[in-house]
Structure formats: C-alpha cells, structure tokens
Amino acid sequence: MWLPDADWIKFSELMVKNYPDILCSQSENVCYFQSTCSNITYNDHEFKIEVGDEIGTFTLKVNESEFFVAGELVSSDSRANELCYVPVFMSKLGYNDLW
C-alpha cells in the first residue's frame, strides 16, 4: 500500500511507538526490522486503515501476524533475506484530484 507522504510519516511514527526495534526511513520510503519476520515479537494487534475519497470510505483490516513481509519479497538487496518489511510505503506523488 502506498500512502501520501504526510500520512506515511504519521503511520511511521505510530509504528516506531509500537515497535521500538523498527527502522523507518523517509529517504527510502519504507519501514522494516533488521531481522526475519519469524523473529518479530507480535503484540496481537489488528491494523486498520480507513481509505476513502469524497464518494465514500472503506476500512482495511489485517491481523498483525499476517501484516509483515519477508525482505526477499520486497527487495533484491543482498541482505534482504535478513529483513522484515512493513508493506506500507510513502508515495511522493502528492494529492492529485485531476484526471
């Protein structure tokens, strides 16, 4: 999922608050753990993100244990298999309501 930069910054701040071991980088547009997903200690959270526009909204819900993604599925970096990513990225496209 891609979020506008201001929303992603707020999201990353909440991730850091709840997961002290997570690294969030605005320059890389991503949050990740420097360990495999199997080594993450889960808190049994449910992630909810409300998405919408002027027509309507809907809520995406994901259980914490299904939320994180193994590094080799996200990056081709040589150490990717040692990382665990949060599949929410910062979009630099900004708000656009013109078609």
PDB file of N, CA and C in Angstrom:
ATOM      1  N   MET A   1       0.852  -1.160   0.000  1.00  0.00           N
ATOM      2  CA  MET A   1       0.000   0.000   0.000  1.00  0.00           C
ATOM      3  C   MET A   1       0.905   1.232   0.000  1.00  0.00           C
ATOM      4  N   TRP A   2       0.515   2.221  -0.765  1.00  0.00           N
ATOM      5  CA  TRP A   2       1.240   3.486  -0.841  1.00  0.00           C
ATOM      6  C   TRP A   2       0.391   4.576  -0.197  1.00  0.00           C
ATOM      7  N   LEU A   3       1.001   5.359   0.708  1.00  0.00           N
ATOM      8  CA  LEU A   3       0.318   6.455   1.378  1.00  0.00           C
ATOM      9  C   LEU A   3       0.964   7.782   0.985  1.00  0.00           C
ATOM     10  N   PRO A   4       0.179   8.860   0.929  1.00  0.00           N
ATOM     11  CA  PRO A   4       0.774  10.185   0.730  1.00  0.00           C
ATOM     12  C   PRO A   4       1.789  10.456   1.840  1.00  0.00           C
ATOM     13  N   ASP A   5       2.782  11.282   1.545  1.00  0.00           N
ATOM     14  CA  ASP A   5       3.894  11.452   2.478  1.00  0.00           C
ATOM     15  C   ASP A   5       3.470  11.857   3.889  1.00  0.00           C
ATOM     16  N   ALA A   6       2.553  12.786   4.049  1.00  0.00           N
ATOM     17  CA  ALA A   6       2.134  13.208   5.395  1.00  0.00           C
ATOM     18  C   ALA A   6       1.473  12.062   6.159  1.00  0.00           C
ATOM     19  N   ASP A   7       0.658  11.264   5.479  1.00  0.00           N
ATOM     20  CA  ASP A   7       0.015  10.113   6.116  1.00  0.00           C
ATOM     21  C   ASP A   7       1.041   9.045   6.476  1.00  0.00           C
ATOM     22  N   TRP A   8       2.011   8.822   5.581  1.00  0.00           N
ATOM     23  CA  TRP A   8       3.042   7.823   5.848  1.00  0.00           C
ATOM     24  C   TRP A   8       3.896   8.234   7.044  1.00  0.00           C
ATOM     25  N   ILE A   9       4.212   9.510   7.160  1.00  0.00           N
ATOM     26  CA  ILE A   9       5.013   9.980   8.296  1.00  0.00           C
ATOM     27  C   ILE A   9       4.279   9.697   9.605  1.00  0.00           C
ATOM     28  N   LYS A  10       2.990   9.975   9.649  1.00  0.00           N
ATOM     29  CA  LYS A  10       2.200   9.676  10.850  1.00  0.00           C
ATOM     30  C   LYS A  10       2.166   8.168  11.107  1.00  0.00           C
ATOM     31  N   PHE A  11       1.967   7.383  10.058  1.00  0.00           N
ATOM     32  CA  PHE A  11       1.958   5.929  10.170  1.00  0.00           C
ATOM     33  C   PHE A  11       3.301   5.436  10.714  1.00  0.00           C
ATOM     34  N   SER A  12       4.403   5.949  10.187  1.00  0.00           N
ATOM     35  CA  SER A  12       5.729   5.502  10.628  1.00  0.00           C
ATOM     36  C   SER A  12       5.976   5.883  12.084  1.00  0.00           C
ATOM     37  N   GLU A  13       5.487   7.046  12.514  1.00  0.00           N
ATOM     38  CA  GLU A  13       5.624   7.442  13.916  1.00  0.00           C
ATOM     39  C   GLU A  13       4.886   6.472  14.829  1.00  0.00           C
ATOM     40  N   LEU A  14       3.704   6.032  14.427  1.00  0.00           N
ATOM     41  CA  LEU A  14       2.950   5.056  15.213  1.00  0.00           C
ATOM     42  C   LEU A  14       3.650   3.698  15.235  1.00  0.00           C
ATOM     43  N   MET A  15       4.252   3.317  14.117  1.00  0.00           N
ATOM     44  CA  MET A  15       4.990   2.052  14.072  1.00  0.00           C
ATOM     45  C   MET A  15       6.174   2.089  15.026  1.00  0.00           C
ATOM     46  N   VAL A  16       6.921   3.184  15.028  1.00  0.00           N
ATOM     47  CA  VAL A  16       8.080   3.314  15.914  1.00  0.00           C
ATOM     48  C   VAL A  16       7.641   3.309  17.374  1.00  0.00           C
ATOM     49  N   LYS A  17       6.516   3.926  17.660  1.00  0.00           N
ATOM     50  CA  LYS A  17       5.988   3.949  19.031  1.00  0.00           C
ATOM     51  C   LYS A  17       5.645   2.533  19.510  1.00  0.00           C
ATOM     52  N   ASN A  18       5.056   1.722  18.622  1.00  0.00           N
ATOM     53  CA  ASN A  18       4.620   0.377  18.993  1.00  0.00           C
ATOM     54  C   ASN A  18       5.682  -0.695  18.812  1.00  0.00           C
ATOM     55  N   TYR A  19       6.687  -0.422  17.993  1.00  0.00           N
ATOM     56  CA  TYR A  19       7.756  -1.381  17.719  1.00  0.00           C
ATOM     57  C   TYR A  19       9.105  -0.673  17.826  1.00  0.00           C
ATOM     58  N   PRO A  20       9.700  -0.639  19.021  1.00  0.00           N
ATOM     59  CA  PRO A  20      10.951   0.095  19.222  1.00  0.00           C
ATOM     60  C   PRO A  20      12.104  -0.383  18.327  1.00  0.00           C
ATOM     61  N   ASP A  21      12.046  -1.625  17.847  1.00  0.00           N
ATOM     62  CA  ASP A  21      13.131  -2.158  17.020  1.00  0.00           C
ATOM     63  C   ASP A  21      12.971  -1.857  15.531  1.00  0.00           C
ATOM     64  N   ILE A  22      11.887  -1.207  15.144  1.00  0.00           N
ATOM     65  CA  ILE A  22      11.646  -0.954  13.728  1.00  0.00           C
ATOM     66  C   ILE A  22      12.448   0.261  13.258  1.00  0.00           C
ATOM     67  N   LEU A  23      12.845   0.226  12.014  1.00  0.00           N
ATOM     68  CA  LEU A  23      13.531   1.362  11.391  1.00  0.00           C
ATOM     69  C   LEU A  23      12.625   1.906  10.294  1.00  0.00           C
ATOM     70  N   CYS A  24      12.343   3.188  10.333  1.00  0.00           N
ATOM     71  CA  CYS A  24      11.538   3.832   9.302  1.00  0.00           C
ATOM     72  C   CYS A  24      12.384   4.924   8.657  1.00  0.00           C
ATOM     73  N   SER A  25      12.464   4.887   7.348  1.00  0.00           N
ATOM     74  CA  SER A  25      13.306   5.822   6.614  1.00  0.00           C
ATOM     75  C   SER A  25      12.483   6.603   5.601  1.00  0.00           C
ATOM     76  N   GLN A  26      12.459   7.933   5.766  1.00  0.00           N
ATOM     77  CA  GLN A  26      11.772   8.770   4.786  1.00  0.00           C
ATOM     78  C   GLN A  26      12.521   8.777   3.460  1.00  0.00           C
ATOM     79  N   SER A  27      13.838   8.673   3.500  1.00  0.00           N
ATOM     80  CA  SER A  27      14.609   8.682   2.247  1.00  0.00           C
ATOM     81  C   SER A  27      14.412   7.398   1.452  1.00  0.00           C
ATOM     82  N   GLU A  28      14.150   6.279   2.150  1.00  0.00           N
ATOM     83  CA  GLU A  28      13.889   5.005   1.464  1.00  0.00           C
ATOM     84  C   GLU A  28      12.399   4.731   1.311  1.00  0.00           C
ATOM     85  N   ASN A  29      11.541   5.545   1.943  1.00  0.00           N
ATOM     86  CA  ASN A  29      10.079   5.414   1.865  1.00  0.00           C
ATOM     87  C   ASN A  29       9.552   4.111   2.444  1.00  0.00           C
ATOM     88  N   VAL A  30      10.179   3.597   3.494  1.00  0.00           N
ATOM     89  CA  VAL A  30       9.815   2.269   3.990  1.00  0.00           C
ATOM     90  C   VAL A  30      10.152   2.113   5.475  1.00  0.00           C
ATOM     91  N   CYS A  31       9.436   1.176   6.130  1.00  0.00           N
ATOM     92  CA  CYS A  31       9.759   0.744   7.494  1.00  0.00           C
ATOM     93  C   CYS A  31      10.102  -0.741   7.450  1.00  0.00           C
ATOM     94  N   TYR A  32      11.102  -1.132   8.240  1.00  0.00           N
ATOM     95  CA  TYR A  32      11.497  -2.543   8.269  1.00  0.00           C
ATOM     96  C   TYR A  32      12.202  -2.873   9.580  1.00  0.00           C
ATOM     97  N   PHE A  33      12.267  -4.160   9.855  1.00  0.00           N
ATOM     98  CA  PHE A  33      13.003  -4.693  11.001  1.00  0.00           C
ATOM     99  C   PHE A  33      14.302  -5.292  10.479  1.00  0.00           C
ATOM    100  N   GLN A  34      15.357  -5.194  11.252  1.00  0.00           N
ATOM    101  CA  GLN A  34      16.624  -5.806  10.866  1.00  0.00           C
ATOM    102  C   GLN A  34      16.695  -7.227  11.401  1.00  0.00           C
ATOM    103  N   SER A  35      15.653  -7.985  11.147  1.00  0.00           N
ATOM    104  CA  SER A  35      15.584  -9.401  11.483  1.00  0.00           C
ATOM    105  C   SER A  35      14.522 -10.033  10.593  1.00  0.00           C
ATOM    106  N   THR A  36      14.493 -11.324  10.566  1.00  0.00           N
ATOM    107  CA  THR A  36      13.478 -12.008   9.766  1.00  0.00           C
ATOM    108  C   THR A  36      12.115 -11.845  10.433  1.00  0.00           C
ATOM    109  N   CYS A  37      11.074 -12.001   9.649  1.00  0.00           N
ATOM    110  CA  CYS A  37       9.708 -11.861  10.187  1.00  0.00           C
ATOM    111  C   CYS A  37       9.423 -12.903  11.267  1.00  0.00           C
ATOM    112  N   SER A  38      10.031 -14.068  11.161  1.00  0.00           N
ATOM    113  CA  SER A  38       9.794 -15.110  12.169  1.00  0.00           C
ATOM    114  C   SER A  38      10.371 -14.734  13.527  1.00  0.00           C
ATOM    115  N   ASN A  39      11.262 -13.744  13.573  1.00  0.00           N
ATOM    116  CA  ASN A  39      11.854 -13.308  14.837  1.00  0.00           C
ATOM    117  C   ASN A  39      11.150 -12.096  15.454  1.00  0.00           C
ATOM    118  N   ILE A  40      10.087 -11.614  14.815  1.00  0.00           N
ATOM    119  CA  ILE A  40       9.355 -10.462  15.338  1.00  0.00           C
ATOM    120  C   ILE A  40       8.441 -10.913  16.468  1.00  0.00           C
ATOM    121  N   THR A  41       8.433 -10.169  17.555  1.00  0.00           N
ATOM    122  CA  THR A  41       7.511 -10.444  18.658  1.00  0.00           C
ATOM    123  C   THR A  41       6.207  -9.723  18.374  1.00  0.00           C
ATOM    124  N   TYR A  42       5.132 -10.485  18.209  1.00  0.00           N
ATOM    125  CA  TYR A  42       3.836  -9.912  17.883  1.00  0.00           C
ATOM    126  C   TYR A  42       3.067  -9.544  19.138  1.00  0.00           C
ATOM    127  N   ASN A  43       2.316  -8.463  19.051  1.00  0.00           N
ATOM    128  CA  ASN A  43       1.516  -7.977  20.173  1.00  0.00           C
ATOM    129  C   ASN A  43       0.035  -8.253  19.986  1.00  0.00           C
ATOM    130  N   ASP A  44      -0.312  -9.037  18.969  1.00  0.00           N
ATOM    131  CA  ASP A  44      -1.698  -9.390  18.664  1.00  0.00           C
ATOM    132  C   ASP A  44      -2.546  -8.168  18.311  1.00  0.00           C
ATOM    133  N   HIS A  45      -1.934  -7.211  17.603  1.00  0.00           N
ATOM    134  CA  HIS A  45      -2.654  -6.028  17.138  1.00  0.00           C
ATOM    135  C   HIS A  45      -3.439  -6.346  15.869  1.00  0.00           C
ATOM    136  N   GLU A  46      -4.448  -5.565  15.621  1.00  0.00           N
ATOM    137  CA  GLU A  46      -5.147  -5.596  14.337  1.00  0.00           C
ATOM    138  C   GLU A  46      -4.937  -4.219  13.711  1.00  0.00           C
ATOM    139  N   PHE A  47      -4.377  -4.211  12.519  1.00  0.00           N
ATOM    140  CA  PHE A  47      -4.158  -2.953  11.820  1.00  0.00           C
ATOM    141  C   PHE A  47      -5.417  -2.580  11.056  1.00  0.00           C
ATOM    142  N   LYS A  48      -5.831  -1.329  11.216  1.00  0.00           N
ATOM    143  CA  LYS A  48      -7.000  -0.822  10.498  1.00  0.00           C
ATOM    144  C   LYS A  48      -6.603   0.486   9.833  1.00  0.00           C
ATOM    145  N   ILE A  49      -6.871   0.576   8.549  1.00  0.00           N
ATOM    146  CA  ILE A  49      -6.614   1.806   7.810  1.00  0.00           C
ATOM    147  C   ILE A  49      -7.875   2.158   7.048  1.00  0.00           C
ATOM    148  N   GLU A  50      -8.376   3.353   7.281  1.00  0.00           N
ATOM    149  CA  GLU A  50      -9.566   3.813   6.571  1.00  0.00           C
ATOM    150  C   GLU A  50      -9.126   4.541   5.304  1.00  0.00           C
ATOM    151  N   VAL A  51      -9.664   4.107   4.194  1.00  0.00           N
ATOM    152  CA  VAL A  51      -9.320   4.665   2.886  1.00  0.00           C
ATOM    153  C   VAL A  51     -10.578   5.240   2.263  1.00  0.00           C
ATOM    154  N   GLY A  52     -10.462   6.406   1.659  1.00  0.00           N
ATOM    155  CA  GLY A  52     -11.651   6.963   1.044  1.00  0.00           C
ATOM    156  C   GLY A  52     -11.402   8.226   0.262  1.00  0.00           C
ATOM    157  N   ASP A  53     -12.485   8.687  -0.329  1.00  0.00           N
ATOM    158  CA  ASP A  53     -12.469   9.942  -1.073  1.00  0.00           C
ATOM    159  C   ASP A  53     -13.810  10.629  -0.840  1.00  0.00           C
ATOM    160  N   GLU A  54     -14.141  11.586  -1.678  1.00  0.00           N
ATOM    161  CA  GLU A  54     -15.392  12.315  -1.478  1.00  0.00           C
ATOM    162  C   GLU A  54     -16.634  11.458  -1.740  1.00  0.00           C
ATOM    163  N   ILE A  55     -16.482  10.319  -2.360  1.00  0.00           N
ATOM    164  CA  ILE A  55     -17.615   9.438  -2.655  1.00  0.00           C
ATOM    165  C   ILE A  55     -17.908   8.477  -1.511  1.00  0.00           C
ATOM    166  N   GLY A  56     -16.875   7.966  -0.867  1.00  0.00           N
ATOM    167  CA  GLY A  56     -17.094   7.022   0.218  1.00  0.00           C
ATOM    168  C   GLY A  56     -15.792   6.524   0.807  1.00  0.00           C
ATOM    169  N   THR A  57     -15.900   5.695   1.842  1.00  0.00           N
ATOM    170  CA  THR A  57     -14.734   5.141   2.513  1.00  0.00           C
ATOM    171  C   THR A  57     -14.926   3.651   2.765  1.00  0.00           C
ATOM    172  N   PHE A  58     -13.814   2.972   3.025  1.00  0.00           N
ATOM    173  CA  PHE A  58     -13.856   1.603   3.492  1.00  0.00           C
ATOM    174  C   PHE A  58     -12.649   1.379   4.388  1.00  0.00           C
ATOM    175  N   THR A  59     -12.724   0.361   5.223  1.00  0.00           N
ATOM    176  CA  THR A  59     -11.670   0.072   6.181  1.00  0.00           C
ATOM    177  C   THR A  59     -10.966  -1.217   5.811  1.00  0.00           C
ATOM    178  N   LEU A  60      -9.637  -1.146   5.725  1.00  0.00           N
ATOM    179  CA  LEU A  60      -8.814  -2.332   5.512  1.00  0.00           C
ATOM    180  C   LEU A  60      -8.368  -2.831   6.882  1.00  0.00           C
ATOM    181  N   LYS A  61      -8.541  -4.127   7.139  1.00  0.00           N
ATOM    182  CA  LYS A  61      -8.135  -4.715   8.415  1.00  0.00           C
ATOM    183  C   LYS A  61      -7.205  -5.887   8.148  1.00  0.00           C
ATOM    184  N   VAL A  62      -6.097  -5.927   8.894  1.00  0.00           N
ATOM    185  CA  VAL A  62      -5.133  -7.015   8.760  1.00  0.00           C
ATOM    186  C   VAL A  62      -4.640  -7.381  10.152  1.00  0.00           C
ATOM    187  N   ASN A  63      -4.606  -8.672  10.448  1.00  0.00           N
ATOM    188  CA  ASN A  63      -4.038  -9.122  11.724  1.00  0.00           C
ATOM    189  C   ASN A  63      -2.529  -8.937  11.691  1.00  0.00           C
ATOM    190  N   GLU A  64      -1.973  -8.571  12.804  1.00  0.00           N
ATOM    191  CA  GLU A  64      -0.551  -8.282  12.894  1.00  0.00           C
ATOM    192  C   GLU A  64       0.320  -9.434  12.390  1.00  0.00           C
ATOM    193  N   SER A  65      -0.022 -10.650  12.723  1.00  0.00           N
ATOM    194  CA  SER A  65       0.796 -11.803  12.328  1.00  0.00           C
ATOM    195  C   SER A  65       0.818 -12.014  10.816  1.00  0.00           C
ATOM    196  N   GLU A  66      -0.105 -11.394  10.086  1.00  0.00           N
ATOM    197  CA  GLU A  66      -0.162 -11.513   8.625  1.00  0.00           C
ATOM    198  C   GLU A  66       0.277 -10.236   7.917  1.00  0.00           C
ATOM    199  N   PHE A  67       0.711  -9.251   8.690  1.00  0.00           N
ATOM    200  CA  PHE A  67       0.969  -7.921   8.142  1.00  0.00           C
ATOM    201  C   PHE A  67       2.370  -7.760   7.561  1.00  0.00           C
ATOM    202  N   PHE A  68       3.366  -8.330   8.185  1.00  0.00           N
ATOM    203  CA  PHE A  68       4.752  -8.108   7.780  1.00  0.00           C
ATOM    204  C   PHE A  68       5.144  -9.024   6.627  1.00  0.00           C
ATOM    205  N   VAL A  69       6.120  -8.561   5.826  1.00  0.00           N
ATOM    206  CA  VAL A  69       6.510  -9.267   4.598  1.00  0.00           C
ATOM    207  C   VAL A  69       8.009  -9.561   4.621  1.00  0.00           C
ATOM    208  N   ALA A  70       8.368 -10.780   4.284  1.00  0.00           N
ATOM    209  CA  ALA A  70       9.778 -11.175   4.231  1.00  0.00           C
ATOM    210  C   ALA A  70      10.549 -10.294   3.245  1.00  0.00           C
ATOM    211  N   GLY A  71      11.746  -9.918   3.628  1.00  0.00           N
ATOM    212  CA  GLY A  71      12.563  -8.998   2.844  1.00  0.00           C
ATOM    213  C   GLY A  71      12.807  -9.418   1.415  1.00  0.00           C
ATOM    214  N   GLU A  72      13.005 -10.708   1.173  1.00  0.00           N
ATOM    215  CA  GLU A  72      13.297 -11.155  -0.194  1.00  0.00           C
ATOM    216  C   GLU A  72      12.105 -10.966  -1.136  1.00  0.00           C
ATOM    217  N   LEU A  73      10.902 -10.738  -0.592  1.00  0.00           N
ATOM    218  CA  LEU A  73       9.732 -10.467  -1.423  1.00  0.00           C
ATOM    219  C   LEU A  73       9.604  -8.982  -1.776  1.00  0.00           C
ATOM    220  N   VAL A  74      10.400  -8.130  -1.107  1.00  0.00           N
ATOM    221  CA  VAL A  74      10.302  -6.685  -1.293  1.00  0.00           C
ATOM    222  C   VAL A  74      11.541  -6.101  -1.958  1.00  0.00           C
ATOM    223  N   SER A  75      12.691  -6.663  -1.660  1.00  0.00           N
ATOM    224  CA  SER A  75      13.951  -6.065  -2.099  1.00  0.00           C
ATOM    225  C   SER A  75      14.873  -7.111  -2.711  1.00  0.00           C
ATOM    226  N   SER A  76      15.724  -6.658  -3.616  1.00  0.00           N
ATOM    227  CA  SER A  76      16.736  -7.542  -4.190  1.00  0.00           C
ATOM    228  C   SER A  76      18.094  -7.309  -3.530  1.00  0.00           C
ATOM    229  N   ASP A  77      18.107  -6.506  -2.480  1.00  0.00           N
ATOM    230  CA  ASP A  77      19.325  -6.235  -1.720  1.00  0.00           C
ATOM    231  C   ASP A  77      19.923  -7.553  -1.235  1.00  0.00           C
ATOM    232  N   SER A  78      21.231  -7.632  -1.158  1.00  0.00           N
ATOM    233  CA  SER A  78      21.907  -8.876  -0.773  1.00  0.00           C
ATOM    234  C   SER A  78      21.556  -9.334   0.647  1.00  0.00           C
ATOM    235  N   ARG A  79      21.145  -8.422   1.515  1.00  0.00           N
ATOM    236  CA  ARG A  79      20.776  -8.808   2.882  1.00  0.00           C
ATOM    237  C   ARG A  79      19.270  -8.835   3.092  1.00  0.00           C
ATOM    238  N   ALA A  80      18.501  -8.803   2.020  1.00  0.00           N
ATOM    239  CA  ALA A  80      17.034  -8.752   2.123  1.00  0.00           C
ATOM    240  C   ALA A  80      16.466  -9.932   2.896  1.00  0.00           C
ATOM    241  N   ASN A  81      17.083 -11.116   2.773  1.00  0.00           N
ATOM    242  CA  ASN A  81      16.546 -12.285   3.480  1.00  0.00           C
ATOM    243  C   ASN A  81      16.724 -12.170   4.989  1.00  0.00           C
ATOM    244  N   GLU A  82      17.432 -11.148   5.461  1.00  0.00           N
ATOM    245  CA  GLU A  82      17.621 -10.910   6.889  1.00  0.00           C
ATOM    246  C   GLU A  82      16.682  -9.827   7.417  1.00  0.00           C
ATOM    247  N   LEU A  83      15.802  -9.294   6.552  1.00  0.00           N
ATOM    248  CA  LEU A  83      14.934  -8.176   6.926  1.00  0.00           C
ATOM    249  C   LEU A  83      13.467  -8.573   6.871  1.00  0.00           C
ATOM    250  N   CYS A  84      12.647  -7.778   7.567  1.00  0.00           N
ATOM    251  CA  CYS A  84      11.204  -7.962   7.556  1.00  0.00           C
ATOM    252  C   CYS A  84      10.575  -6.586   7.326  1.00  0.00           C
ATOM    253  N   TYR A  85       9.802  -6.454   6.268  1.00  0.00           N
ATOM    254  CA  TYR A  85       9.256  -5.158   5.859  1.00  0.00           C
ATOM    255  C   TYR A  85       7.802  -4.967   6.272  1.00  0.00           C
ATOM    256  N   VAL A  86       7.449  -3.707   6.461  1.00  0.00           N
ATOM    257  CA  VAL A  86       6.055  -3.300   6.621  1.00  0.00           C
ATOM    258  C   VAL A  86       5.596  -2.899   5.215  1.00  0.00           C
ATOM    259  N   PRO A  87       4.577  -3.545   4.662  1.00  0.00           N
ATOM    260  CA  PRO A  87       4.183  -3.285   3.273  1.00  0.00           C
ATOM    261  C   PRO A  87       3.352  -2.010   3.083  1.00  0.00           C
ATOM    262  N   VAL A  88       3.782  -0.945   3.721  1.00  0.00           N
ATOM    263  CA  VAL A  88       3.148   0.367   3.581  1.00  0.00           C
ATOM    264  C   VAL A  88       4.268   1.332   3.245  1.00  0.00           C
ATOM    265  N   PHE A  89       4.195   1.931   2.063  1.00  0.00           N
ATOM    266  CA  PHE A  89       5.279   2.758   1.563  1.00  0.00           C
ATOM    267  C   PHE A  89       4.826   4.197   1.361  1.00  0.00           C
ATOM    268  N   MET A  90       5.794   5.112   1.373  1.00  0.00           N
ATOM    269  CA  MET A  90       5.488   6.528   1.173  1.00  0.00           C
ATOM    270  C   MET A  90       5.455   6.843  -0.319  1.00  0.00           C
ATOM    271  N   SER A  91       4.388   7.478  -0.739  1.00  0.00           N
ATOM    272  CA  SER A  91       4.262   7.932  -2.120  1.00  0.00           C
ATOM    273  C   SER A  91       4.643   9.397  -2.193  1.00  0.00           C
ATOM    274  N   LYS A  92       5.496   9.720  -3.134  1.00  0.00           N
ATOM    275  CA  LYS A  92       5.909  11.109  -3.330  1.00  0.00           C
ATOM    276  C   LYS A  92       5.048  11.806  -4.386  1.00  0.00           C
ATOM    277  N   LEU A  93       3.986  11.161  -4.843  1.00  0.00           N
ATOM    278  CA  LEU A  93       3.161  11.731  -5.905  1.00  0.00           C
ATOM    279  C   LEU A  93       2.300  12.892  -5.417  1.00  0.00           C
ATOM    280  N   GLY A  94       2.014  12.924  -4.113  1.00  0.00           N
ATOM    281  CA  GLY A  94       1.193  14.001  -3.570  1.00  0.00           C
ATOM    282  C   GLY A  94      -0.267  13.835  -3.925  1.00  0.00           C
ATOM    283  N   TYR A  95      -1.075  14.772  -3.484  1.00  0.00           N
ATOM    284  CA  TYR A  95      -2.519  14.719  -3.728  1.00  0.00           C
ATOM    285  C   TYR A  95      -2.808  15.186  -5.143  1.00  0.00           C
ATOM    286  N   ASN A  96      -3.626  14.429  -5.824  1.00  0.00           N
ATOM    287  CA  ASN A  96      -3.994  14.795  -7.184  1.00  0.00           C
ATOM    288  C   ASN A  96      -5.460  14.439  -7.394  1.00  0.00           C
ATOM    289  N   ASP A  97      -6.271  15.423  -7.703  1.00  0.00           N
ATOM    290  CA  ASP A  97      -7.704  15.190  -7.923  1.00  0.00           C
ATOM    291  C   ASP A  97      -8.081  15.516  -9.360  1.00  0.00           C
ATOM    292  N   LEU A  98      -7.093  15.577 -10.245  1.00  0.00           N
ATOM    293  CA  LEU A  98      -7.349  15.886 -11.645  1.00  0.00           C
ATOM    294  C   LEU A  98      -7.133  14.642 -12.483  1.00  0.00           C
ATOM    295  N   TRP A  99      -8.029  14.394 -13.449  1.00  0.00           N
ATOM    296  CA  TRP A  99      -7.896  13.215 -14.301  1.00  0.00           C
ATOM    297  C   TRP A  99      -7.699  13.605 -15.718  1.00  0.00           C
TER     298      TRP A  99
END
